[in-house]
């Protein structure tokens, strides 16, 4: 594990987003880093496509998550 230096404004954005998403600050930053990395590796996919791909990789059928 290492330390990542980020701008104070970005840290504040992470802090505020973490409260909304019910994640720790570190978990929110990790999520954004992971999603950014996946987006760079898959530039033709939308955010929703990437989330769907990750849910399917975790054996969580996306159809089970639809709202009736």
C-alpha atoms as a PDB file:
ATOM      1  CA  UNK A   1       0.000   0.000   0.000  1.00  0.00           C
ATOM      2  CA  UNK A   2       1.276   3.467  -0.776  1.00  0.00           C
ATOM      3  CA  UNK A   3       0.421   7.083  -0.387  1.00  0.00           C
ATOM      4  CA  UNK A   4      -1.030   9.042  -3.292  1.00  0.00           C
ATOM      5  CA  UNK A   5      -0.708  12.814  -3.254  1.00  0.00           C
ATOM      6  CA  UNK A   6      -3.779  14.528  -4.670  1.00  0.00           C
ATOM      7  CA  UNK A   7      -4.911  18.120  -4.913  1.00  0.00           C
ATOM      8  CA  UNK A   8      -6.882  19.451  -1.925  1.00  0.00           C
ATOM      9  CA  UNK A   9      -9.900  20.259  -4.115  1.00  0.00           C
ATOM     10  CA  UNK A  10      -9.949  16.719  -5.511  1.00  0.00           C
ATOM     11  CA  UNK A  11      -9.669  15.315  -1.976  1.00  0.00           C
ATOM     12  CA  UNK A  12     -12.693  17.393  -0.988  1.00  0.00           C
ATOM     13  CA  UNK A  13     -14.604  16.034  -4.004  1.00  0.00           C
ATOM     14  CA  UNK A  14     -13.692  12.487  -2.955  1.00  0.00           C
ATOM     15  CA  UNK A  15     -14.782  13.199   0.626  1.00  0.00           C
ATOM     16  CA  UNK A  16     -18.159  14.592  -0.461  1.00  0.00           C
ATOM     17  CA  UNK A  17     -18.775  11.788  -2.985  1.00  0.00           C
ATOM     18  CA  UNK A  18     -17.872   9.167  -0.388  1.00  0.00           C
ATOM     19  CA  UNK A  19     -20.618  10.452   1.911  1.00  0.00           C
ATOM     20  CA  UNK A  20     -23.207  10.250  -0.867  1.00  0.00           C
ATOM     21  CA  UNK A  21     -22.097   6.773  -1.965  1.00  0.00           C
ATOM     22  CA  UNK A  22     -21.782   5.432   1.622  1.00  0.00           C
ATOM     23  CA  UNK A  23     -18.117   4.569   1.092  1.00  0.00           C
ATOM     24  CA  UNK A  24     -15.021   5.499   3.014  1.00  0.00           C
ATOM     25  CA  UNK A  25     -12.878   8.211   1.450  1.00  0.00           C
ATOM     26  CA  UNK A  26     -10.286   5.590   0.522  1.00  0.00           C
ATOM     27  CA  UNK A  27     -12.927   3.274  -0.978  1.00  0.00           C
ATOM     28  CA  UNK A  28     -14.334   6.147  -3.061  1.00  0.00           C
ATOM     29  CA  UNK A  29     -10.883   7.089  -4.353  1.00  0.00           C
ATOM     30  CA  UNK A  30     -10.149   3.426  -5.122  1.00  0.00           C
ATOM     31  CA  UNK A  31     -13.449   3.128  -7.008  1.00  0.00           C
ATOM     32  CA  UNK A  32     -12.705   6.211  -9.125  1.00  0.00           C
ATOM     33  CA  UNK A  33      -9.176   4.958  -9.844  1.00  0.00           C
ATOM     34  CA  UNK A  34     -10.454   1.502 -10.826  1.00  0.00           C
ATOM     35  CA  UNK A  35     -13.199   2.897 -13.053  1.00  0.00           C
ATOM     36  CA  UNK A  36     -10.803   5.336 -14.701  1.00  0.00           C
ATOM     37  CA  UNK A  37      -8.322   2.564 -15.371  1.00  0.00           C
ATOM     38  CA  UNK A  38     -11.053   0.377 -16.879  1.00  0.00           C
ATOM     39  CA  UNK A  39     -12.332   3.308 -18.973  1.00  0.00           C
ATOM     40  CA  UNK A  40      -8.843   3.936 -20.360  1.00  0.00           C
ATOM     41  CA  UNK A  41      -8.453   0.251 -21.189  1.00  0.00           C
ATOM     42  CA  UNK A  42     -11.924   0.095 -22.796  1.00  0.00           C
ATOM     43  CA  UNK A  43     -12.486   3.484 -24.475  1.00  0.00           C
ATOM     44  CA  UNK A  44     -15.525   2.335 -26.457  1.00  0.00           C
ATOM     45  CA  UNK A  45     -17.480   1.304 -23.343  1.00  0.00           C
ATOM     46  CA  UNK A  46     -19.754   3.618 -21.378  1.00  0.00           C
ATOM     47  CA  UNK A  47     -19.646   3.860 -17.588  1.00  0.00           C
ATOM     48  CA  UNK A  48     -22.770   1.687 -17.429  1.00  0.00           C
ATOM     49  CA  UNK A  49     -21.176  -0.907 -19.712  1.00  0.00           C
ATOM     50  CA  UNK A  50     -18.124  -1.058 -17.434  1.00  0.00           C
ATOM     51  CA  UNK A  51     -20.283  -1.444 -14.317  1.00  0.00           C
ATOM     52  CA  UNK A  52     -22.285  -4.206 -16.029  1.00  0.00           C
ATOM     53  CA  UNK A  53     -19.048  -5.952 -17.047  1.00  0.00           C
ATOM     54  CA  UNK A  54     -17.759  -5.803 -13.464  1.00  0.00           C
ATOM     55  CA  UNK A  55     -21.037  -7.106 -12.015  1.00  0.00           C
ATOM     56  CA  UNK A  56     -21.032 -10.002 -14.470  1.00  0.00           C
ATOM     57  CA  UNK A  57     -17.382 -10.765 -13.619  1.00  0.00           C
ATOM     58  CA  UNK A  58     -18.499 -11.021  -9.977  1.00  0.00           C
ATOM     59  CA  UNK A  59     -21.211 -13.523 -11.002  1.00  0.00           C
ATOM     60  CA  UNK A  60     -23.945 -11.058 -10.095  1.00  0.00           C
ATOM     61  CA  UNK A  61     -26.547 -11.282 -12.853  1.00  0.00           C
ATOM     62  CA  UNK A  62     -27.493  -7.784 -13.940  1.00  0.00           C
ATOM     63  CA  UNK A  63     -31.081  -8.860 -14.720  1.00  0.00           C
ATOM     64  CA  UNK A  64     -31.575  -9.548 -11.000  1.00  0.00           C
ATOM     65  CA  UNK A  65     -30.906  -5.885 -10.230  1.00  0.00           C
ATOM     66  CA  UNK A  66     -33.588  -4.324 -12.419  1.00  0.00           C
ATOM     67  CA  UNK A  67     -36.322  -2.359 -10.705  1.00  0.00           C
ATOM     68  CA  UNK A  68     -39.802  -3.689 -11.345  1.00  0.00           C
END
